[in-house]
Amino acid sequence: MDELIKQLTDRLGIDSATAKGVTGKAMGMIKENIDDSTFSKLASSLPGLESLIQSENDGESADAGGGMLGSLAGMASKMLGGSTGNSLELGTALAAKGLPLEKLGEFVTMLVQFIKEHAGEQVLDQVLARFPMLKGVLDQGK
């Protein structure tokens, strides 16, 4: 995971703490929304993933959720349901962690590419199935 954090800080111009925070949050949400078998494959391919997620969870207070924006995203997520809601919540959570919205697309592109390179296309496809809006962000960047 250190490799990804370095890439994020270099290319996005964000500090290491923000890079770790947004990556830990994104991967934690992925973990919550994919099956255990897929997450196991992902974690075994990305050394340090589980500790990054754990440190992100340890650093959050019980009410951390992005304030009013986070609450609205949570409500919209419930109304939209399923994978569409997951993607909306992810974008809001990353913004709450300090990722500038204009860098969201590049962050997603880098994260997806990293997962593909290290865990393989099959695992990536299972992640994208739960977050289809991320695929849309990728398609816009082409």
N, C-alpha and C. Protein backbone atom coordinates (compact mmCIF):
# COMPACT_ATOMS: atom_id res chain seq x y z
N MET A 1 0.81 -1.19 0.00
CA MET A 1 0.00 0.00 0.00
C MET A 1 0.86 1.26 0.00
N ASP A 2 2.08 1.13 0.50
CA ASP A 2 2.98 2.28 0.51
C ASP A 2 3.23 2.81 -0.90
N GLU A 3 3.30 1.89 -1.86
CA GLU A 3 3.51 2.27 -3.25
C GLU A 3 2.36 3.17 -3.75
N LEU A 4 1.13 2.78 -3.44
CA LEU A 4 -0.02 3.57 -3.85
C LEU A 4 -0.04 4.92 -3.15
N ILE A 5 0.25 4.94 -1.87
CA ILE A 5 0.26 6.20 -1.12
C ILE A 5 1.27 7.16 -1.72
N LYS A 6 2.43 6.66 -2.08
CA LYS A 6 3.46 7.51 -2.70
C LYS A 6 2.98 8.04 -4.05
N GLN A 7 2.37 7.18 -4.85
CA GLN A 7 1.84 7.61 -6.15
C GLN A 7 0.79 8.71 -5.97
N LEU A 8 -0.07 8.54 -4.99
CA LEU A 8 -1.13 9.53 -4.75
C LEU A 8 -0.55 10.87 -4.32
N THR A 9 0.42 10.84 -3.44
CA THR A 9 1.00 12.11 -2.98
C THR A 9 1.73 12.80 -4.12
N ASP A 10 2.45 12.03 -4.92
CA ASP A 10 3.21 12.61 -6.04
C ASP A 10 2.29 13.17 -7.12
N ARG A 11 1.30 12.38 -7.54
CA ARG A 11 0.47 12.79 -8.69
C ARG A 11 -0.68 13.72 -8.35
N LEU A 12 -1.24 13.55 -7.15
CA LEU A 12 -2.39 14.38 -6.78
C LEU A 12 -1.99 15.62 -5.98
N GLY A 13 -0.76 15.63 -5.48
CA GLY A 13 -0.32 16.78 -4.70
C GLY A 13 -1.00 16.87 -3.34
N ILE A 14 -1.38 15.73 -2.78
CA ILE A 14 -1.97 15.70 -1.45
C ILE A 14 -0.93 15.16 -0.48
N ASP A 15 -1.10 15.49 0.80
CA ASP A 15 -0.12 15.00 1.78
C ASP A 15 -0.37 13.53 2.09
N SER A 16 0.61 12.93 2.73
CA SER A 16 0.58 11.50 3.02
C SER A 16 -0.60 11.13 3.92
N ALA A 17 -0.90 11.96 4.91
CA ALA A 17 -2.02 11.67 5.81
C ALA A 17 -3.34 11.65 5.06
N THR A 18 -3.54 12.59 4.15
CA THR A 18 -4.77 12.62 3.35
C THR A 18 -4.82 11.41 2.44
N ALA A 19 -3.69 11.08 1.80
CA ALA A 19 -3.64 9.92 0.91
C ALA A 19 -3.99 8.64 1.67
N LYS A 20 -3.44 8.48 2.86
CA LYS A 20 -3.74 7.30 3.67
C LYS A 20 -5.20 7.30 4.10
N GLY A 21 -5.70 8.46 4.49
CA GLY A 21 -7.09 8.56 4.94
C GLY A 21 -8.09 8.21 3.86
N VAL A 22 -7.90 8.78 2.66
CA VAL A 22 -8.86 8.51 1.59
C VAL A 22 -8.73 7.08 1.08
N THR A 23 -7.51 6.58 1.04
CA THR A 23 -7.32 5.20 0.58
C THR A 23 -7.91 4.21 1.59
N GLY A 24 -7.65 4.45 2.87
CA GLY A 24 -8.20 3.59 3.91
C GLY A 24 -9.73 3.61 3.91
N LYS A 25 -10.29 4.80 3.72
CA LYS A 25 -11.75 4.94 3.68
C LYS A 25 -12.32 4.21 2.46
N ALA A 26 -11.72 4.44 1.30
CA ALA A 26 -12.20 3.79 0.07
C ALA A 26 -12.11 2.28 0.19
N MET A 27 -10.99 1.79 0.67
CA MET A 27 -10.82 0.34 0.77
C MET A 27 -11.72 -0.25 1.86
N GLY A 28 -11.96 0.50 2.93
CA GLY A 28 -12.89 0.04 3.96
C GLY A 28 -14.30 -0.09 3.42
N MET A 29 -14.71 0.87 2.59
CA MET A 29 -16.05 0.79 2.00
C MET A 29 -16.13 -0.35 1.00
N ILE A 30 -15.04 -0.56 0.26
CA ILE A 30 -15.01 -1.71 -0.65
C ILE A 30 -15.15 -3.00 0.14
N LYS A 31 -14.40 -3.11 1.24
CA LYS A 31 -14.46 -4.31 2.08
C LYS A 31 -15.89 -4.56 2.56
N GLU A 32 -16.60 -3.50 2.96
CA GLU A 32 -17.97 -3.64 3.46
C GLU A 32 -18.94 -4.10 2.39
N ASN A 33 -18.60 -3.89 1.13
CA ASN A 33 -19.58 -4.12 0.06
C ASN A 33 -19.23 -5.25 -0.90
N ILE A 34 -18.14 -5.95 -0.66
CA ILE A 34 -17.83 -7.11 -1.48
C ILE A 34 -17.84 -8.35 -0.59
N ASP A 35 -17.94 -9.50 -1.21
CA ASP A 35 -17.99 -10.73 -0.42
C ASP A 35 -16.62 -11.03 0.19
N ASP A 36 -16.63 -11.85 1.23
CA ASP A 36 -15.41 -12.15 1.98
C ASP A 36 -14.33 -12.79 1.12
N SER A 37 -14.74 -13.65 0.19
CA SER A 37 -13.78 -14.32 -0.67
C SER A 37 -13.04 -13.32 -1.57
N THR A 38 -13.79 -12.38 -2.13
CA THR A 38 -13.17 -11.37 -2.98
C THR A 38 -12.26 -10.48 -2.16
N PHE A 39 -12.70 -10.09 -0.97
CA PHE A 39 -11.85 -9.24 -0.13
C PHE A 39 -10.59 -9.99 0.27
N SER A 40 -10.70 -11.26 0.54
CA SER A 40 -9.53 -12.06 0.90
C SER A 40 -8.50 -12.05 -0.23
N LYS A 41 -8.97 -12.20 -1.46
CA LYS A 41 -8.08 -12.14 -2.62
C LYS A 41 -7.44 -10.76 -2.73
N LEU A 42 -8.23 -9.72 -2.51
CA LEU A 42 -7.73 -8.35 -2.59
C LEU A 42 -6.68 -8.11 -1.51
N ALA A 43 -6.98 -8.49 -0.29
CA ALA A 43 -6.05 -8.27 0.83
C ALA A 43 -4.75 -9.05 0.66
N SER A 44 -4.84 -10.26 0.13
CA SER A 44 -3.61 -11.05 -0.06
C SER A 44 -2.74 -10.47 -1.18
N SER A 45 -3.36 -9.72 -2.08
CA SER A 45 -2.62 -9.10 -3.19
C SER A 45 -2.04 -7.74 -2.83
N LEU A 46 -2.56 -7.15 -1.75
CA LEU A 46 -2.15 -5.79 -1.37
C LEU A 46 -1.66 -5.78 0.07
N PRO A 47 -0.38 -6.12 0.27
CA PRO A 47 0.16 -6.13 1.64
C PRO A 47 -0.04 -4.78 2.32
N GLY A 48 -0.51 -4.84 3.57
CA GLY A 48 -0.74 -3.63 4.34
C GLY A 48 -2.16 -3.10 4.24
N LEU A 49 -2.98 -3.73 3.40
CA LEU A 49 -4.35 -3.24 3.19
C LEU A 49 -5.17 -3.29 4.48
N GLU A 50 -5.15 -4.42 5.14
CA GLU A 50 -5.99 -4.55 6.34
C GLU A 50 -5.54 -3.59 7.44
N SER A 51 -4.24 -3.38 7.61
CA SER A 51 -3.80 -2.44 8.64
C SER A 51 -4.15 -1.01 8.27
N LEU A 52 -4.14 -0.68 6.98
CA LEU A 52 -4.54 0.66 6.53
C LEU A 52 -6.03 0.89 6.83
N ILE A 53 -6.85 -0.09 6.54
CA ILE A 53 -8.28 0.01 6.84
C ILE A 53 -8.49 0.13 8.35
N GLN A 54 -7.77 -0.70 9.10
CA GLN A 54 -7.92 -0.67 10.56
C GLN A 54 -7.50 0.67 11.14
N SER A 55 -6.41 1.23 10.66
CA SER A 55 -5.96 2.53 11.18
C SER A 55 -6.96 3.62 10.83
N GLU A 56 -7.60 3.51 9.68
CA GLU A 56 -8.63 4.47 9.29
C GLU A 56 -9.83 4.35 10.22
N ASN A 57 -10.24 3.12 10.52
CA ASN A 57 -11.37 2.91 11.43
C ASN A 57 -11.04 3.37 12.84
N ASP A 58 -9.81 3.14 13.29
CA ASP A 58 -9.40 3.57 14.63
C ASP A 58 -9.37 5.09 14.75
N GLY A 59 -9.08 5.77 13.64
CA GLY A 59 -8.97 7.22 13.65
C GLY A 59 -10.29 7.95 13.54
N GLU A 60 -11.36 7.25 13.25
CA GLU A 60 -12.67 7.89 13.10
C GLU A 60 -13.41 7.94 14.42
N SER A 61 -14.04 9.05 14.67
CA SER A 61 -14.90 9.14 15.84
C SER A 61 -16.24 8.51 15.50
N ALA A 62 -17.04 8.25 16.49
CA ALA A 62 -18.31 7.58 16.29
C ALA A 62 -19.25 8.36 15.38
N ASP A 63 -19.12 9.71 15.41
CA ASP A 63 -20.03 10.50 14.59
C ASP A 63 -19.39 11.01 13.31
N ALA A 64 -18.20 10.52 12.98
CA ALA A 64 -17.54 10.98 11.76
C ALA A 64 -18.31 10.44 10.56
N GLY A 65 -18.72 11.35 9.70
CA GLY A 65 -19.46 10.88 8.54
C GLY A 65 -19.67 11.98 7.54
N GLY A 66 -18.94 13.07 7.70
CA GLY A 66 -19.02 14.12 6.72
C GLY A 66 -20.09 15.16 7.01
N GLY A 67 -20.59 15.23 8.26
CA GLY A 67 -21.55 16.25 8.61
C GLY A 67 -22.84 16.15 7.82
N MET A 68 -23.40 17.33 7.48
CA MET A 68 -24.68 17.37 6.77
C MET A 68 -24.57 16.69 5.41
N LEU A 69 -23.47 16.93 4.70
CA LEU A 69 -23.29 16.32 3.39
C LEU A 69 -23.28 14.80 3.52
N GLY A 70 -22.59 14.30 4.53
CA GLY A 70 -22.56 12.86 4.76
C GLY A 70 -23.94 12.30 5.08
N SER A 71 -24.70 13.05 5.86
CA SER A 71 -26.06 12.61 6.19
C SER A 71 -26.94 12.57 4.95
N LEU A 72 -26.83 13.60 4.11
CA LEU A 72 -27.61 13.63 2.88
C LEU A 72 -27.21 12.48 1.95
N ALA A 73 -25.91 12.22 1.86
CA ALA A 73 -25.44 11.12 1.02
C ALA A 73 -25.96 9.79 1.54
N GLY A 74 -25.96 9.65 2.87
CA GLY A 74 -26.48 8.42 3.46
C GLY A 74 -27.95 8.21 3.15
N MET A 75 -28.74 9.30 3.26
CA MET A 75 -30.17 9.20 2.94
C MET A 75 -30.38 8.89 1.46
N ALA A 76 -29.62 9.59 0.60
CA ALA A 76 -29.75 9.33 -0.84
C ALA A 76 -29.34 7.91 -1.16
N SER A 77 -28.30 7.44 -0.48
CA SER A 77 -27.84 6.08 -0.70
C SER A 77 -28.93 5.07 -0.39
N LYS A 78 -29.64 5.29 0.71
CA LYS A 78 -30.72 4.37 1.08
C LYS A 78 -31.85 4.43 0.07
N MET A 79 -32.14 5.64 -0.42
CA MET A 79 -33.23 5.76 -1.40
C MET A 79 -32.83 5.13 -2.74
N LEU A 80 -31.58 5.37 -3.16
CA LEU A 80 -31.13 4.83 -4.44
C LEU A 80 -30.85 3.34 -4.32
N GLY A 81 -30.37 2.97 -3.17
CA GLY A 81 -30.11 1.57 -2.88
C GLY A 81 -28.93 0.99 -3.63
N GLY A 82 -28.49 -0.13 -3.14
CA GLY A 82 -27.48 -0.95 -3.78
C GLY A 82 -26.23 -0.22 -4.21
N SER A 83 -25.75 -0.58 -5.37
CA SER A 83 -24.46 -0.11 -5.84
C SER A 83 -24.43 1.37 -6.17
N THR A 84 -25.53 1.95 -6.63
CA THR A 84 -25.55 3.38 -6.93
C THR A 84 -25.36 4.17 -5.64
N GLY A 85 -26.04 3.77 -4.60
CA GLY A 85 -25.89 4.42 -3.31
C GLY A 85 -24.48 4.26 -2.76
N ASN A 86 -23.88 3.09 -2.94
CA ASN A 86 -22.51 2.87 -2.48
C ASN A 86 -21.55 3.87 -3.10
N SER A 87 -21.69 4.10 -4.39
CA SER A 87 -20.79 5.02 -5.08
C SER A 87 -20.96 6.44 -4.59
N LEU A 88 -22.20 6.86 -4.35
CA LEU A 88 -22.46 8.20 -3.84
C LEU A 88 -21.85 8.36 -2.45
N GLU A 89 -22.03 7.38 -1.59
CA GLU A 89 -21.45 7.44 -0.26
C GLU A 89 -19.94 7.48 -0.32
N LEU A 90 -19.34 6.73 -1.21
CA LEU A 90 -17.88 6.71 -1.34
C LEU A 90 -17.36 8.09 -1.72
N GLY A 91 -17.94 8.71 -2.72
CA GLY A 91 -17.49 10.04 -3.14
C GLY A 91 -17.60 11.05 -2.01
N THR A 92 -18.69 11.02 -1.28
CA THR A 92 -18.90 11.94 -0.16
C THR A 92 -17.89 11.67 0.95
N ALA A 93 -17.64 10.40 1.25
CA ALA A 93 -16.70 10.05 2.31
C ALA A 93 -15.29 10.50 1.96
N LEU A 94 -14.90 10.36 0.70
CA LEU A 94 -13.56 10.78 0.30
C LEU A 94 -13.40 12.29 0.38
N ALA A 95 -14.44 13.01 0.01
CA ALA A 95 -14.41 14.48 0.13
C ALA A 95 -14.30 14.87 1.60
N ALA A 96 -15.01 14.17 2.47
CA ALA A 96 -14.95 14.46 3.91
C ALA A 96 -13.56 14.17 4.47
N LYS A 97 -12.83 13.26 3.86
CA LYS A 97 -11.47 12.92 4.29
C LYS A 97 -10.43 13.90 3.75
N GLY A 98 -10.85 14.85 2.94
CA GLY A 98 -9.93 15.88 2.48
C GLY A 98 -9.52 15.79 1.03
N LEU A 99 -10.11 14.87 0.28
CA LEU A 99 -9.78 14.78 -1.14
C LEU A 99 -10.57 15.85 -1.90
N PRO A 100 -9.88 16.78 -2.56
CA PRO A 100 -10.60 17.79 -3.34
C PRO A 100 -11.43 17.12 -4.43
N LEU A 101 -12.65 17.59 -4.60
CA LEU A 101 -13.56 16.96 -5.57
C LEU A 101 -12.98 16.91 -6.97
N GLU A 102 -12.20 17.92 -7.35
CA GLU A 102 -11.62 17.91 -8.69
C GLU A 102 -10.56 16.82 -8.87
N LYS A 103 -10.13 16.22 -7.78
CA LYS A 103 -9.14 15.14 -7.86
C LYS A 103 -9.77 13.76 -7.70
N LEU A 104 -11.09 13.72 -7.52
CA LEU A 104 -11.77 12.45 -7.30
C LEU A 104 -11.58 11.49 -8.47
N GLY A 105 -11.76 11.97 -9.68
CA GLY A 105 -11.61 11.11 -10.86
C GLY A 105 -10.22 10.53 -10.98
N GLU A 106 -9.22 11.35 -10.76
CA GLU A 106 -7.85 10.85 -10.85
C GLU A 106 -7.55 9.86 -9.73
N PHE A 107 -8.07 10.13 -8.52
CA PHE A 107 -7.89 9.19 -7.42
C PHE A 107 -8.50 7.84 -7.77
N VAL A 108 -9.74 7.85 -8.26
CA VAL A 108 -10.43 6.61 -8.61
C VAL A 108 -9.65 5.86 -9.69
N THR A 109 -9.19 6.58 -10.69
CA THR A 109 -8.42 5.96 -11.77
C THR A 109 -7.18 5.28 -11.22
N MET A 110 -6.46 5.97 -10.35
CA MET A 110 -5.24 5.40 -9.77
C MET A 110 -5.55 4.19 -8.89
N LEU A 111 -6.60 4.29 -8.08
CA LEU A 111 -6.97 3.19 -7.20
C LEU A 111 -7.37 1.96 -8.00
N VAL A 112 -8.19 2.16 -9.00
CA VAL A 112 -8.66 1.05 -9.84
C VAL A 112 -7.48 0.41 -10.57
N GLN A 113 -6.60 1.22 -11.12
CA GLN A 113 -5.43 0.69 -11.83
C GLN A 113 -4.54 -0.12 -10.87
N PHE A 114 -4.39 0.38 -9.65
CA PHE A 114 -3.57 -0.31 -8.66
C PHE A 114 -4.19 -1.67 -8.31
N ILE A 115 -5.50 -1.69 -8.10
CA ILE A 115 -6.19 -2.95 -7.81
C ILE A 115 -6.03 -3.91 -8.98
N LYS A 116 -6.22 -3.42 -10.19
CA LYS A 116 -6.10 -4.27 -11.38
C LYS A 116 -4.70 -4.86 -11.50
N GLU A 117 -3.68 -4.02 -11.31
CA GLU A 117 -2.29 -4.49 -11.44
C GLU A 117 -1.92 -5.53 -10.40
N HIS A 118 -2.42 -5.35 -9.18
CA HIS A 118 -1.98 -6.21 -8.08
C HIS A 118 -2.93 -7.36 -7.76
N ALA A 119 -4.23 -7.17 -7.96
CA ALA A 119 -5.19 -8.22 -7.60
C ALA A 119 -5.80 -8.90 -8.82
N GLY A 120 -5.68 -8.28 -9.98
CA GLY A 120 -6.19 -8.88 -11.19
C GLY A 120 -7.54 -8.34 -11.61
N GLU A 121 -7.86 -8.58 -12.86
CA GLU A 121 -9.08 -8.05 -13.46
C GLU A 121 -10.35 -8.66 -12.87
N GLN A 122 -10.31 -9.93 -12.49
CA GLN A 122 -11.49 -10.58 -11.93
C GLN A 122 -11.90 -9.92 -10.61
N VAL A 123 -10.94 -9.66 -9.74
CA VAL A 123 -11.24 -8.99 -8.48
C VAL A 123 -11.73 -7.58 -8.75
N LEU A 124 -11.08 -6.88 -9.66
CA LEU A 124 -11.50 -5.53 -10.01
C LEU A 124 -12.94 -5.52 -10.52
N ASP A 125 -13.30 -6.46 -11.37
CA ASP A 125 -14.66 -6.53 -11.90
C ASP A 125 -15.68 -6.70 -10.78
N GLN A 126 -15.34 -7.47 -9.76
CA GLN A 126 -16.25 -7.68 -8.64
C GLN A 126 -16.39 -6.41 -7.80
N VAL A 127 -15.30 -5.65 -7.67
CA VAL A 127 -15.37 -4.37 -6.96
C VAL A 127 -16.23 -3.39 -7.75
N LEU A 128 -15.98 -3.28 -9.05
CA LEU A 128 -16.73 -2.34 -9.88
C LEU A 128 -18.22 -2.69 -9.97
N ALA A 129 -18.54 -3.96 -9.83
CA ALA A 129 -19.94 -4.37 -9.84
C ALA A 129 -20.69 -3.78 -8.64
N ARG A 130 -20.00 -3.55 -7.55
CA ARG A 130 -20.62 -2.97 -6.36
C ARG A 130 -20.58 -1.44 -6.37
N PHE A 131 -19.73 -0.86 -7.23
CA PHE A 131 -19.57 0.60 -7.33
C PHE A 131 -19.57 1.02 -8.80
N PRO A 132 -20.70 0.84 -9.51
CA PRO A 132 -20.70 1.09 -10.95
C PRO A 132 -20.43 2.55 -11.33
N MET A 133 -20.71 3.48 -10.43
CA MET A 133 -20.43 4.87 -10.76
C MET A 133 -18.92 5.11 -10.89
N LEU A 134 -18.12 4.28 -10.22
CA LEU A 134 -16.67 4.40 -10.36
C LEU A 134 -16.25 4.08 -11.78
N LYS A 135 -16.91 3.11 -12.38
CA LYS A 135 -16.63 2.79 -13.77
C LYS A 135 -16.97 3.99 -14.67
N GLY A 136 -18.04 4.69 -14.33
CA GLY A 136 -18.41 5.89 -15.07
C GLY A 136 -17.35 6.97 -14.96
N VAL A 137 -16.77 7.13 -13.77
CA VAL A 137 -15.70 8.10 -13.59
C VAL A 137 -14.50 7.71 -14.45
N LEU A 138 -14.21 6.43 -14.50
CA LEU A 138 -13.09 5.94 -15.32
C LEU A 138 -13.35 6.20 -16.79
N ASP A 139 -14.58 5.92 -17.24
CA ASP A 139 -14.92 6.10 -18.65
C ASP A 139 -14.83 7.56 -19.06
N GLN A 140 -15.17 8.48 -18.16
CA GLN A 140 -15.08 9.91 -18.46
C GLN A 140 -13.63 10.36 -18.62
N GLY A 141 -12.72 9.69 -17.92
CA GLY A 141 -11.32 10.07 -17.98
C GLY A 141 -10.61 9.62 -19.23
N LYS A 142 -11.27 8.81 -20.05
CA LYS A 142 -10.63 8.28 -21.26
C LYS A 142 -10.71 9.26 -22.39
